[in-house]
Amino acid sequence: MRKSKLLLHCLLTICSVPVLAQSPFNTIDSIDINNINASVLVHGDMWTNATDTFPRCEFPKGNHTNMFAKAGVWIAGFDNSSKLHISAAAYRKQGIDYWPGPLSTSTDSIDYATSQSWARIWKINRTTIDSFLALSTHTLSNTPAIILEWPGKGNTYAKGNAGASLTITTDMAPFIDVDHDGLYNPLKGDYPAIKGDQTLWYVFSDRGPTHTETKGLPLGVEIHAMPYAFKKGNALDNLIFYEYTIVNRSTNDYSNFRFGLRNVSGIGYKFDNYRGTDSNRRMQIIYNGTVEDGTGKPGEYGLKIPIAGIMFVHQPGDSDCNYNTPLGSSMYYNNDFSGQGNPSNDTEYYGYLNATWRDGTHLKNDFKGAGIISTGYGSGPNTNYVFSGMLQDSTQWSECTSQNLPADAANMVVSNNFSLPAGSSQSIVIALMAVPDASGCPQANYLGIDSMADLTKAFYCTLPATSVRSISSVVSVRIYPNPAHDVLTIDAGSLAAPNTAAVYNMLGQHMNINCSSSGNKLNLDISQLPPAVYTVQYGPQHTASLFVKQ
């Protein structure tokens, strides 16, 4: 009997190991420096809490209402033999394709124990770096833990999940290399290279313990994720950037590579939402399908309803801020198992990255006129952009004009095709934007979110490529007041004042203004400018800043 019990115990132990090895990690943190409080998870998903599945994309921060219920990264490409490789993050119910941590340089994979060590999100504010830079010497005791444990290449102090020591031999989290030795050593003055006033950094890969969400072939890539946001006291506080760097660790040269963000809209009450597309701005738009959100319950917006936008700010093929490659597609699918419902295999997942329904038919513009329900899978010409008309024009294709029945659905916004050769990397930058108190259908329009998208793009184009060091070099220059009414002052502090400055509107048009200098200050007469957001460029490096004319 004792031997039987021992054998049973051993069998149960053996059987339990694979189950444990497949358990995902519930690590969570949030971007919360400004008006949006949006969660991030470590399996390629975000805007939810894995333990209770409740939404975590609160706007405005502190009011307990959410714009989205969940989001996840989808990627796909074809290898040299034209075989499809694909990975996706969805509800975690069907399985897990992504695992936290980088791939091994020898096996191009990651095991469960290593993934567990990397199941951490590193979060840092700019004020922490400023305090660090103010120190004349750096020691173990006076260096902030987040700077000491930052997962930069070669950092002997790097710590992961639950304080696990990390050995980092490849490029991971970005840093300012003060002594130019190629390795991160905070005690020599090196510090994280962040963007924004708050930055999160983490890494996940698609060749881990399981690959069961899409049931397809993994790609053998790792994705370095860096969400960041600013606290400016203006409309930019309704914005978060998500930068993803995709590193191909496999031996495959991928073609027709696509990057998509699946998102589940949840403008308060999630069963009364619409979606639309502004393909010129590479943006998917989520808005309310009724004038009042919900039925007066907690967690609903009522009459003060925002409009949200998800925009591809940068994607492979963009040469600079003046030329953008087109958006790949904008799509949705229903939360059911119909021909337009949830995908169940790699072919169906890939279809949604290419504006193709689960049943294999392409998205169609089936708009027949105002008041006629339009779903995108009726009769009409093929299109890659769902509900691509303007709300202000009743002759154009939108859910509001068609008076669709709002339903529970997931949305997809997808990059253009690009190549990802073995050993190469590409970057994608996505912006999450919000416009408060925009109302719902039939009163809603896109004017506010379009202006927010233009502001976001213009602001992104002013950001230095390497953040902290570049920003520190111009920190002594101040622009005030902001907002301004008649005069905008550029105060160079101890530096020589710029001789002149140029002002541009959000369309990139040069505005005629008069400038006058006084000591180290340059005064700009903006009294004749119409109220709007503008970019001012100044100095020999053409440093750019945004200001608001009231």
Protein backbone atom coordinates (compact mmCIF):
# COMPACT_ATOMS: atom_id res chain seq x y z
CA MET A 1 0.00 0.00 0.00
CA ARG A 2 2.82 2.37 0.89
CA LYS A 3 4.49 1.70 -2.48
CA SER A 4 1.17 2.37 -4.25
CA LYS A 5 0.76 5.70 -2.47
CA LEU A 6 4.33 6.64 -3.29
CA LEU A 7 3.82 5.70 -6.94
CA LEU A 8 0.59 7.70 -7.06
CA HIS A 9 2.36 10.71 -5.52
CA CYS A 10 5.13 10.49 -8.10
CA LEU A 11 2.67 10.23 -10.96
CA LEU A 12 0.75 13.24 -9.72
CA THR A 13 3.98 15.19 -9.35
CA ILE A 14 5.12 14.29 -12.84
CA CYS A 15 1.74 15.14 -14.31
CA SER A 16 1.68 18.49 -12.54
CA VAL A 17 4.98 19.74 -13.96
CA PRO A 18 3.78 20.46 -17.54
CA VAL A 19 0.72 22.27 -16.19
CA LEU A 20 2.86 24.46 -13.93
CA ALA A 21 5.29 25.15 -16.77
CA GLN A 22 2.46 26.56 -18.85
CA SER A 23 1.13 28.93 -16.19
CA PRO A 24 1.44 32.57 -17.29
CA PHE A 25 2.75 35.35 -15.09
CA ASN A 26 0.44 38.06 -13.76
CA THR A 27 3.06 40.83 -13.48
CA ILE A 28 1.35 44.19 -13.97
CA ASP A 29 2.27 47.87 -13.90
CA SER A 30 0.81 51.03 -15.40
CA ILE A 31 1.64 54.21 -17.23
CA ASP A 32 0.01 56.73 -14.92
CA ILE A 33 2.00 59.98 -15.12
CA ASN A 34 -0.75 61.94 -16.87
CA ASN A 35 -4.53 61.73 -17.45
CA ILE A 36 -4.51 58.08 -18.58
CA ASN A 37 -3.88 55.12 -16.28
CA ALA A 38 -3.18 52.17 -18.59
CA SER A 39 -1.88 48.79 -17.46
CA VAL A 40 0.87 46.73 -19.05
CA LEU A 41 1.33 42.95 -18.72
CA VAL A 42 4.28 40.73 -19.66
CA HIS A 43 2.75 38.29 -22.17
CA GLY A 44 2.28 40.81 -24.98
CA ASP A 45 -1.03 42.03 -23.57
CA MET A 46 -2.17 45.17 -21.75
CA TRP A 47 -5.11 47.36 -20.66
CA THR A 48 -6.49 44.68 -18.34
CA ASN A 49 -5.64 42.83 -15.13
CA ALA A 50 -4.86 39.16 -15.67
CA THR A 51 -6.05 38.11 -12.21
CA ASP A 52 -9.57 39.53 -12.42
CA THR A 53 -9.81 40.32 -16.21
CA PHE A 54 -11.21 43.78 -15.39
CA PRO A 55 -10.35 46.69 -17.73
CA ARG A 56 -7.32 48.82 -16.84
CA CYS A 57 -7.29 51.71 -19.28
CA GLU A 58 -8.76 54.46 -17.16
CA PHE A 59 -9.53 57.90 -18.57
CA PRO A 60 -9.61 60.39 -17.02
CA LYS A 61 -7.37 58.87 -14.38
CA GLY A 62 -9.19 58.43 -11.09
CA ASN A 63 -12.77 58.34 -12.36
CA HIS A 64 -13.01 54.50 -12.55
CA THR A 65 -14.12 54.43 -16.18
CA ASN A 66 -12.13 52.75 -18.94
CA MET A 67 -11.70 53.35 -22.67
CA PHE A 68 -10.53 49.81 -23.46
CA ALA A 69 -10.98 46.38 -21.89
CA LYS A 70 -7.89 44.62 -23.29
CA ALA A 71 -5.23 44.77 -26.03
CA GLY A 72 -2.52 42.51 -27.39
CA VAL A 73 0.27 42.37 -29.96
CA TRP A 74 -0.12 40.22 -33.09
CA ILE A 75 2.76 39.56 -35.51
CA ALA A 76 3.16 37.38 -38.59
CA GLY A 77 5.56 36.79 -41.49
CA PHE A 78 6.60 34.24 -44.10
CA ASP A 79 9.96 32.45 -44.03
CA ASN A 80 12.23 31.56 -46.97
CA SER A 81 10.04 28.54 -47.74
CA SER A 82 6.86 30.65 -47.75
CA LYS A 83 5.67 29.09 -44.50
CA LEU A 84 3.53 31.27 -42.24
CA HIS A 85 4.86 32.06 -38.76
CA ILE A 86 2.52 33.87 -36.38
CA SER A 87 2.10 34.88 -32.74
CA ALA A 88 -0.69 36.69 -30.93
CA ALA A 89 -1.94 37.75 -27.50
CA ALA A 90 -5.66 37.55 -26.81
CA TYR A 91 -7.61 36.48 -23.72
CA ARG A 92 -5.11 33.85 -22.42
CA LYS A 93 -8.02 31.36 -22.50
CA GLN A 94 -6.92 29.49 -25.61
CA GLY A 95 -3.24 29.57 -24.72
CA ILE A 96 -0.07 31.65 -24.58
CA ASP A 97 2.20 32.54 -27.52
CA TYR A 98 4.45 35.13 -25.81
CA TRP A 99 6.61 34.72 -22.73
CA PRO A 100 8.55 37.39 -20.79
CA GLY A 101 12.28 37.53 -21.40
CA PRO A 102 14.74 37.48 -24.30
CA LEU A 103 15.62 34.45 -26.40
CA SER A 104 18.77 32.47 -25.72
CA THR A 105 21.54 33.34 -28.17
CA SER A 106 22.38 29.63 -28.48
CA THR A 107 18.92 28.03 -28.72
CA ASP A 108 16.70 30.89 -29.97
CA SER A 109 14.22 29.92 -27.25
CA ILE A 110 13.39 30.68 -23.64
CA ASP A 111 12.64 28.20 -20.86
CA TYR A 112 10.14 28.63 -18.05
CA ALA A 113 12.68 29.40 -15.32
CA THR A 114 14.38 32.10 -17.38
CA SER A 115 11.02 33.57 -18.36
CA GLN A 116 10.03 33.69 -14.70
CA SER A 117 13.18 35.67 -13.88
CA TRP A 118 12.36 38.20 -16.61
CA ALA A 119 8.68 38.59 -15.67
CA ARG A 120 9.27 42.15 -14.55
CA ILE A 121 8.31 45.60 -15.85
CA TRP A 122 10.90 48.28 -15.12
CA LYS A 123 9.24 51.64 -14.42
CA ILE A 124 11.04 54.94 -14.02
CA ASN A 125 10.16 58.65 -13.89
CA ARG A 126 12.34 61.41 -15.28
CA THR A 127 12.52 63.01 -11.83
CA THR A 128 14.38 59.93 -10.56
CA ILE A 129 16.99 60.36 -13.29
CA ASP A 130 17.28 64.08 -12.59
CA SER A 131 18.02 63.33 -8.93
CA PHE A 132 20.60 60.72 -9.94
CA LEU A 133 22.34 63.16 -12.30
CA ALA A 134 22.55 65.75 -9.52
CA LEU A 135 24.83 63.44 -7.50
CA SER A 136 28.57 64.02 -7.80
CA THR A 137 29.40 60.37 -7.07
CA HIS A 138 27.33 57.21 -7.34
CA THR A 139 27.35 54.38 -4.80
CA LEU A 140 25.24 51.33 -4.07
CA SER A 141 23.54 53.20 -1.25
CA ASN A 142 22.68 56.45 -3.07
CA THR A 143 21.73 55.01 -6.49
CA PRO A 144 17.97 54.50 -6.86
CA ALA A 145 17.06 50.80 -7.12
CA ILE A 146 15.40 51.20 -10.51
CA ILE A 147 18.59 52.73 -11.97
CA LEU A 148 20.82 50.18 -10.25
CA GLU A 149 18.71 47.23 -11.45
CA TRP A 150 18.00 48.54 -14.97
CA PRO A 151 18.42 45.63 -17.46
CA GLY A 152 21.13 47.24 -19.57
CA LYS A 153 23.78 45.18 -21.32
CA GLY A 154 26.49 44.01 -18.93
CA ASN A 155 24.85 45.35 -15.76
CA THR A 156 26.10 43.17 -12.89
CA TYR A 157 23.42 44.67 -10.62
CA ALA A 158 20.46 43.89 -12.93
CA LYS A 159 17.48 42.39 -11.13
CA GLY A 160 14.35 40.81 -12.54
CA ASN A 161 11.19 39.35 -11.07
CA ALA A 162 11.30 38.90 -7.28
CA GLY A 163 14.89 40.14 -7.19
CA ALA A 164 16.27 37.45 -9.51
CA SER A 165 19.79 38.24 -10.76
CA LEU A 166 20.00 38.66 -14.53
CA THR A 167 22.97 38.04 -16.80
CA ILE A 168 22.67 40.31 -19.84
CA THR A 169 25.10 39.89 -22.71
CA THR A 170 23.10 41.44 -25.55
CA ASP A 171 21.48 44.83 -26.07
CA MET A 172 18.39 45.08 -23.88
CA ALA A 173 17.01 48.18 -22.15
CA PRO A 174 18.49 51.40 -23.62
CA PHE A 175 20.89 53.50 -21.55
CA ILE A 176 23.16 56.52 -21.73
CA ASP A 177 26.69 55.15 -21.81
CA VAL A 178 28.61 57.92 -20.04
CA ASP A 179 32.02 56.23 -20.25
CA HIS A 180 31.42 54.82 -23.77
CA ASP A 181 32.51 51.27 -22.90
CA GLY A 182 29.37 49.63 -24.32
CA LEU A 183 28.27 48.27 -20.93
CA TYR A 184 25.79 49.58 -18.38
CA ASN A 185 27.39 50.51 -15.07
CA PRO A 186 25.32 52.93 -12.96
CA LEU A 187 28.14 53.43 -10.46
CA LYS A 188 30.16 54.98 -13.31
CA GLY A 189 27.29 57.36 -14.08
CA ASP A 190 25.40 55.36 -16.74
CA TYR A 191 21.62 55.75 -16.53
CA PRO A 192 18.46 54.63 -18.38
CA ALA A 193 17.74 56.33 -21.71
CA ILE A 194 14.06 57.01 -21.33
CA LYS A 195 11.51 58.93 -23.34
CA GLY A 196 8.82 61.02 -21.74
CA ASP A 197 8.35 61.93 -18.11
CA GLN A 198 7.63 58.27 -17.33
CA THR A 199 8.84 55.15 -19.09
CA LEU A 200 8.16 51.44 -18.70
CA TRP A 201 10.43 48.80 -20.24
CA TYR A 202 10.04 45.03 -20.58
CA VAL A 203 10.80 42.27 -23.09
CA PHE A 204 8.84 39.26 -24.33
CA SER A 205 9.49 36.54 -26.89
CA ASP A 206 7.44 34.11 -28.94
CA ARG A 207 9.46 30.88 -28.68
CA GLY A 208 8.87 29.96 -25.05
CA PRO A 209 7.40 27.10 -23.01
CA THR A 210 4.17 27.11 -25.06
CA HIS A 211 2.87 28.53 -28.33
CA THR A 212 -0.79 27.60 -28.11
CA GLU A 213 -2.81 30.76 -28.84
CA THR A 214 -2.53 30.75 -32.64
CA LYS A 215 -1.45 27.08 -32.97
CA GLY A 216 1.00 28.25 -35.62
CA LEU A 217 4.77 28.29 -36.05
CA PRO A 218 6.61 30.79 -33.82
CA LEU A 219 8.86 33.37 -35.43
CA GLY A 220 11.79 33.29 -33.01
CA VAL A 221 11.67 37.00 -32.25
CA GLU A 222 11.90 39.03 -29.08
CA ILE A 223 10.03 42.29 -28.64
CA HIS A 224 11.47 45.12 -26.55
CA ALA A 225 8.50 47.18 -25.36
CA MET A 226 8.77 50.76 -24.09
CA PRO A 227 5.56 52.64 -23.27
CA TYR A 228 6.12 56.27 -22.28
CA ALA A 229 4.10 59.39 -21.55
CA PHE A 230 4.47 63.07 -20.68
CA LYS A 231 3.04 65.39 -18.08
CA LYS A 232 2.67 68.77 -19.81
CA GLY A 233 -0.49 70.31 -18.39
CA ASN A 234 -2.15 70.41 -21.82
CA ALA A 235 -3.71 68.07 -24.38
CA LEU A 236 -0.52 65.97 -24.50
CA ASP A 237 -1.53 64.63 -21.10
CA ASN A 238 -4.18 62.59 -22.95
CA LEU A 239 -1.56 60.56 -24.79
CA ILE A 240 0.65 57.48 -24.36
CA PHE A 241 3.30 56.24 -26.81
CA TYR A 242 4.04 52.52 -27.17
CA GLU A 243 7.36 51.75 -28.84
CA TYR A 244 8.02 48.15 -29.88
CA THR A 245 11.38 46.98 -31.24
CA ILE A 246 11.14 43.57 -32.92
CA VAL A 247 14.45 41.66 -32.95
CA ASN A 248 14.69 38.63 -35.23
CA ARG A 249 16.81 36.03 -33.39
CA SER A 250 15.93 33.24 -35.82
CA THR A 251 17.74 32.17 -38.99
CA ASN A 252 14.70 33.00 -41.11
CA ASP A 253 14.40 36.03 -43.39
CA TYR A 254 10.77 37.09 -42.99
CA SER A 255 8.79 38.76 -45.76
CA ASN A 256 5.30 40.30 -45.67
CA PHE A 257 5.81 40.83 -41.95
CA ARG A 258 2.88 42.53 -40.22
CA PHE A 259 2.45 44.02 -36.76
CA GLY A 260 -1.05 44.45 -35.37
CA LEU A 261 -2.67 45.64 -32.17
CA ARG A 262 -5.84 43.81 -31.26
CA ASN A 263 -7.95 45.88 -28.90
CA VAL A 264 -11.27 45.35 -27.20
CA SER A 265 -13.10 48.64 -26.97
CA GLY A 266 -14.70 49.49 -23.69
CA ILE A 267 -15.79 53.12 -23.71
CA GLY A 268 -17.34 52.65 -20.29
CA TYR A 269 -20.18 50.24 -21.10
CA LYS A 270 -18.56 48.02 -23.74
CA PHE A 271 -21.72 46.89 -25.52
CA ASP A 272 -22.56 50.26 -27.12
CA ASN A 273 -19.33 51.09 -28.98
CA TYR A 274 -18.57 51.90 -32.61
CA ARG A 275 -15.30 51.97 -34.51
CA GLY A 276 -14.02 53.85 -37.55
CA THR A 277 -10.84 54.44 -39.55
CA ASP A 278 -8.92 57.52 -40.63
CA SER A 279 -6.49 55.84 -43.02
CA ASN A 280 -4.76 59.12 -43.91
CA ARG A 281 -3.71 59.47 -40.29
CA ARG A 282 -3.13 55.70 -39.87
CA MET A 283 -5.63 55.71 -37.04
CA GLN A 284 -8.42 53.51 -35.76
CA ILE A 285 -11.08 55.43 -33.86
CA ILE A 286 -13.31 54.11 -31.06
CA TYR A 287 -16.40 56.07 -30.03
CA ASN A 288 -19.76 55.53 -28.38
CA GLY A 289 -22.72 54.35 -30.43
CA THR A 290 -25.23 56.27 -28.32
CA VAL A 291 -25.47 59.78 -26.88
CA GLU A 292 -25.41 58.36 -23.34
CA ASP A 293 -22.94 55.65 -22.41
CA GLY A 294 -24.48 52.80 -20.44
CA THR A 295 -27.46 52.88 -18.14
CA GLY A 296 -26.19 54.92 -15.21
CA LYS A 297 -24.17 52.19 -13.50
CA PRO A 298 -20.68 52.65 -11.99
CA GLY A 299 -17.89 52.42 -14.56
CA GLU A 300 -19.95 54.10 -17.31
CA TYR A 301 -19.38 57.55 -18.80
CA GLY A 302 -22.99 58.71 -19.00
CA LEU A 303 -23.13 61.93 -21.04
CA LYS A 304 -19.42 62.84 -20.76
CA ILE A 305 -18.02 60.37 -23.27
CA PRO A 306 -14.48 60.40 -24.72
CA ILE A 307 -13.36 59.38 -28.18
CA ALA A 308 -10.21 57.24 -28.38
CA GLY A 309 -7.70 56.83 -31.19
CA ILE A 310 -4.97 54.25 -31.85
CA MET A 311 -2.48 55.58 -34.38
CA PHE A 312 0.64 54.16 -36.01
CA VAL A 313 2.99 57.09 -35.45
CA HIS A 314 6.00 55.30 -36.93
CA GLN A 315 6.38 52.08 -38.88
CA PRO A 316 9.06 50.54 -41.13
CA GLY A 317 9.30 52.33 -44.45
CA ASP A 318 8.74 55.82 -43.03
CA SER A 319 11.65 57.91 -44.26
CA ASP A 320 11.03 60.82 -41.90
CA CYS A 321 8.17 62.78 -40.42
CA ASN A 322 7.23 64.17 -43.84
CA TYR A 323 6.63 60.80 -45.49
CA ASN A 324 4.49 58.00 -44.15
CA THR A 325 3.84 54.57 -45.63
CA PRO A 326 0.14 53.64 -45.63
CA LEU A 327 -1.66 51.83 -42.84
CA GLY A 328 -1.90 48.11 -43.56
CA SER A 329 -5.48 47.55 -42.43
CA SER A 330 -8.15 48.38 -39.89
CA MET A 331 -10.58 45.61 -39.03
CA TYR A 332 -12.84 44.14 -36.36
CA TYR A 333 -14.41 40.78 -35.51
CA ASN A 334 -17.32 39.70 -33.36
CA ASN A 335 -17.02 37.94 -30.01
CA ASP A 336 -18.70 34.77 -31.26
CA PHE A 337 -17.83 31.76 -33.41
CA SER A 338 -19.51 32.82 -36.63
CA GLY A 339 -17.70 33.36 -39.93
CA GLN A 340 -16.91 36.85 -38.64
CA GLY A 341 -16.03 35.76 -35.11
CA ASN A 342 -13.09 34.71 -32.97
CA PRO A 343 -10.18 33.05 -34.81
CA SER A 344 -9.23 29.49 -33.89
CA ASN A 345 -6.11 28.69 -35.95
CA ASP A 346 -3.11 30.39 -37.51
CA THR A 347 -4.79 30.96 -40.88
CA GLU A 348 -7.71 32.75 -39.28
CA TYR A 349 -5.45 34.88 -37.09
CA TYR A 350 -3.42 35.87 -40.13
CA GLY A 351 -6.62 36.68 -41.99
CA TYR A 352 -7.58 39.31 -39.44
CA LEU A 353 -4.15 40.91 -39.90
CA ASN A 354 -5.07 41.28 -43.58
CA ALA A 355 -8.68 42.50 -43.37
CA THR A 356 -10.06 39.00 -44.04
CA TRP A 357 -12.90 37.44 -42.08
CA ARG A 358 -12.72 34.06 -40.37
CA ASP A 359 -14.68 32.50 -43.24
CA GLY A 360 -12.00 33.59 -45.72
CA THR A 361 -13.89 36.46 -47.36
CA HIS A 362 -12.30 39.91 -47.55
CA LEU A 363 -13.60 42.98 -45.74
CA LYS A 364 -16.05 44.83 -48.01
CA ASN A 365 -17.41 48.34 -48.13
CA ASP A 366 -21.09 47.40 -48.08
CA PHE A 367 -22.36 50.91 -47.33
CA LYS A 368 -25.73 51.47 -49.01
CA GLY A 369 -26.79 54.73 -47.39
CA ALA A 370 -27.87 56.37 -44.16
CA GLY A 371 -29.94 54.16 -41.87
CA ILE A 372 -29.02 50.91 -43.64
CA ILE A 373 -27.03 48.54 -41.43
CA SER A 374 -23.51 47.92 -42.72
CA THR A 375 -21.24 45.22 -41.29
CA GLY A 376 -18.31 44.98 -43.73
CA TYR A 377 -19.22 41.48 -44.85
CA GLY A 378 -22.10 42.22 -47.17
CA SER A 379 -21.86 43.00 -50.88
CA GLY A 380 -19.52 45.70 -52.16
CA PRO A 381 -15.93 46.35 -53.18
CA ASN A 382 -13.03 44.95 -51.14
CA THR A 383 -11.38 47.39 -48.75
CA ASN A 384 -8.65 47.28 -46.12
CA TYR A 385 -10.16 49.96 -43.86
CA VAL A 386 -13.39 49.34 -42.03
CA PHE A 387 -15.93 52.20 -41.64
CA SER A 388 -13.57 54.67 -43.30
CA GLY A 389 -15.99 57.59 -43.75
CA MET A 390 -16.25 60.82 -41.78
CA LEU A 391 -18.99 61.08 -39.17
CA GLN A 392 -19.73 64.63 -40.29
CA ASP A 393 -20.77 63.42 -43.77
CA SER A 394 -23.92 61.26 -43.94
CA THR A 395 -22.98 60.09 -47.42
CA GLN A 396 -19.83 58.36 -46.14
CA TRP A 397 -19.38 54.92 -44.60
CA SER A 398 -19.60 54.90 -40.81
CA GLU A 399 -21.39 52.86 -38.20
CA CYS A 400 -23.09 55.96 -36.90
CA THR A 401 -24.54 56.85 -40.31
CA SER A 402 -25.53 53.21 -40.92
CA GLN A 403 -27.17 53.06 -37.48
CA ASN A 404 -25.59 49.69 -36.70
CA LEU A 405 -26.52 47.76 -33.61
CA PRO A 406 -23.59 48.21 -31.18
CA ALA A 407 -22.09 44.88 -30.13
CA ASP A 408 -19.21 43.24 -28.27
CA ALA A 409 -16.31 43.08 -30.73
CA ALA A 410 -12.53 43.14 -30.99
CA ASN A 411 -10.71 45.58 -33.27
CA MET A 412 -7.49 45.25 -35.26
CA VAL A 413 -5.22 48.05 -36.47
CA VAL A 414 -2.26 46.79 -38.49
CA SER A 415 0.99 48.06 -39.98
CA ASN A 416 1.99 47.85 -43.61
CA ASN A 417 4.02 44.85 -44.84
CA PHE A 418 7.76 44.99 -44.23
CA SER A 419 10.79 42.70 -44.27
CA LEU A 420 12.59 41.37 -41.19
CA PRO A 421 15.79 39.52 -42.21
CA ALA A 422 17.58 37.21 -39.78
CA GLY A 423 19.50 39.20 -37.17
CA SER A 424 17.73 42.48 -37.98
CA SER A 425 15.30 44.63 -36.02
CA GLN A 426 12.46 47.02 -36.81
CA SER A 427 10.55 49.51 -34.66
CA ILE A 428 6.87 50.36 -34.43
CA VAL A 429 5.49 53.32 -32.45
CA ILE A 430 1.79 53.41 -31.62
CA ALA A 431 -0.04 56.24 -29.88
CA LEU A 432 -3.07 55.86 -27.64
CA MET A 433 -4.97 59.16 -27.64
CA ALA A 434 -8.11 60.41 -25.95
CA VAL A 435 -10.40 63.41 -26.38
CA PRO A 436 -12.70 64.02 -23.39
CA ASP A 437 -16.38 64.97 -23.49
CA ALA A 438 -16.77 64.24 -27.21
CA SER A 439 -20.26 62.72 -26.95
CA GLY A 440 -21.53 59.73 -28.90
CA CYS A 441 -23.52 59.02 -32.04
CA PRO A 442 -25.28 60.89 -33.58
CA GLN A 443 -23.65 63.98 -32.02
CA ALA A 444 -20.05 62.71 -32.20
CA ASN A 445 -17.56 63.80 -34.86
CA TYR A 446 -13.90 63.19 -35.62
CA LEU A 447 -12.72 66.80 -35.49
CA GLY A 448 -11.29 66.55 -31.97
CA ILE A 449 -9.53 63.20 -32.42
CA ASP A 450 -8.15 64.26 -35.81
CA SER A 451 -6.67 67.39 -34.23
CA MET A 452 -5.27 65.26 -31.41
CA ALA A 453 -3.68 62.94 -33.96
CA ASP A 454 -2.07 65.88 -35.77
CA LEU A 455 -0.77 67.25 -32.47
CA THR A 456 0.58 63.82 -31.51
CA LYS A 457 2.39 63.37 -34.81
CA ALA A 458 3.90 66.86 -34.66
CA PHE A 459 4.98 66.36 -31.07
CA TYR A 460 6.53 62.96 -31.81
CA CYS A 461 8.58 64.54 -34.58
CA THR A 462 10.13 66.97 -32.08
CA LEU A 463 11.35 64.23 -29.74
CA PRO A 464 15.11 63.59 -29.64
CA ALA A 465 16.15 60.14 -30.85
CA THR A 466 18.03 59.33 -27.66
CA SER A 467 15.93 61.12 -25.11
CA VAL A 468 17.72 61.89 -21.83
CA ARG A 469 21.14 63.05 -22.99
CA SER A 470 19.69 65.13 -25.81
CA ILE A 471 17.04 66.67 -23.61
CA SER A 472 19.58 67.47 -20.89
CA SER A 473 21.58 69.51 -23.38
CA VAL A 474 18.70 71.94 -23.88
CA VAL A 475 17.18 71.83 -20.40
CA SER A 476 18.35 75.38 -19.67
CA VAL A 477 16.19 76.75 -22.52
CA ARG A 478 12.68 77.71 -21.44
CA ILE A 479 9.67 78.67 -23.54
CA TYR A 480 6.95 80.64 -21.79
CA PRO A 481 4.18 81.38 -21.21
CA ASN A 482 2.56 78.23 -22.54
CA PRO A 483 -0.28 78.67 -23.43
CA ALA A 484 0.51 82.17 -24.74
CA HIS A 485 -1.67 84.95 -26.10
CA ASP A 486 0.43 87.81 -27.50
CA VAL A 487 4.12 87.12 -26.89
CA LEU A 488 6.04 83.84 -26.66
CA THR A 489 9.49 84.06 -25.06
CA ILE A 490 12.44 81.74 -25.68
CA ASP A 491 14.75 82.13 -22.69
CA ALA A 492 18.21 80.63 -23.32
CA GLY A 493 19.35 81.09 -19.73
CA SER A 494 23.14 81.04 -19.64
CA LEU A 495 23.36 80.14 -23.32
CA ALA A 496 23.41 82.56 -26.21
CA ALA A 497 19.93 83.44 -27.38
CA PRO A 498 18.89 82.09 -30.79
CA ASN A 499 18.97 84.72 -33.53
CA THR A 500 15.61 83.78 -34.94
CA ALA A 501 12.82 81.24 -34.69
CA ALA A 502 10.29 79.70 -37.06
CA VAL A 503 6.70 78.83 -36.22
CA TYR A 504 4.67 76.16 -38.03
CA ASN A 505 1.05 75.08 -37.70
CA MET A 506 -0.04 71.44 -37.46
CA LEU A 507 -0.17 71.18 -41.26
CA GLY A 508 3.50 72.13 -41.46
CA GLN A 509 2.78 75.58 -42.90
CA HIS A 510 5.22 78.36 -41.99
CA MET A 511 3.59 81.22 -40.07
CA ASN A 512 4.71 84.82 -40.44
CA ILE A 513 5.72 86.37 -37.10
CA ASN A 514 8.05 89.12 -35.88
CA CYS A 515 10.94 88.39 -33.49
CA SER A 516 12.92 90.71 -31.22
CA SER A 517 15.82 89.87 -28.91
CA SER A 518 16.55 91.16 -25.43
CA GLY A 519 19.67 89.78 -23.74
CA ASN A 520 19.45 86.02 -23.80
CA LYS A 521 15.77 86.08 -24.66
CA LEU A 522 13.99 85.98 -28.00
CA ASN A 523 10.44 87.36 -28.03
CA LEU A 524 7.98 86.17 -30.67
CA ASP A 525 4.96 88.26 -31.56
CA ILE A 526 2.19 85.68 -31.95
CA SER A 527 -0.71 88.06 -31.43
CA GLN A 528 -1.96 87.62 -35.00
CA LEU A 529 -1.91 83.83 -35.00
CA PRO A 530 -5.25 82.04 -34.79
CA PRO A 531 -5.77 80.05 -31.57
CA ALA A 532 -4.25 76.58 -32.12
CA VAL A 533 -1.26 74.36 -31.35
CA TYR A 534 2.01 75.31 -33.08
CA THR A 535 5.61 74.13 -33.35
CA VAL A 536 8.45 76.61 -32.83
CA GLN A 537 11.96 75.80 -34.10
CA TYR A 538 15.00 77.68 -32.85
CA GLY A 539 18.77 77.50 -32.47
CA PRO A 540 21.48 76.02 -34.69
CA GLN A 541 20.20 72.47 -34.09
CA HIS A 542 16.63 73.48 -35.04
CA THR A 543 15.36 72.39 -31.65
CA ALA A 544 11.56 72.16 -31.76
CA SER A 545 8.93 72.67 -29.08
CA LEU A 546 5.15 72.84 -29.03
CA PHE A 547 3.12 75.75 -27.70
CA VAL A 548 -0.53 76.65 -27.51
CA LYS A 549 -1.81 80.02 -28.78
CA GLN A 550 -4.90 81.07 -26.86
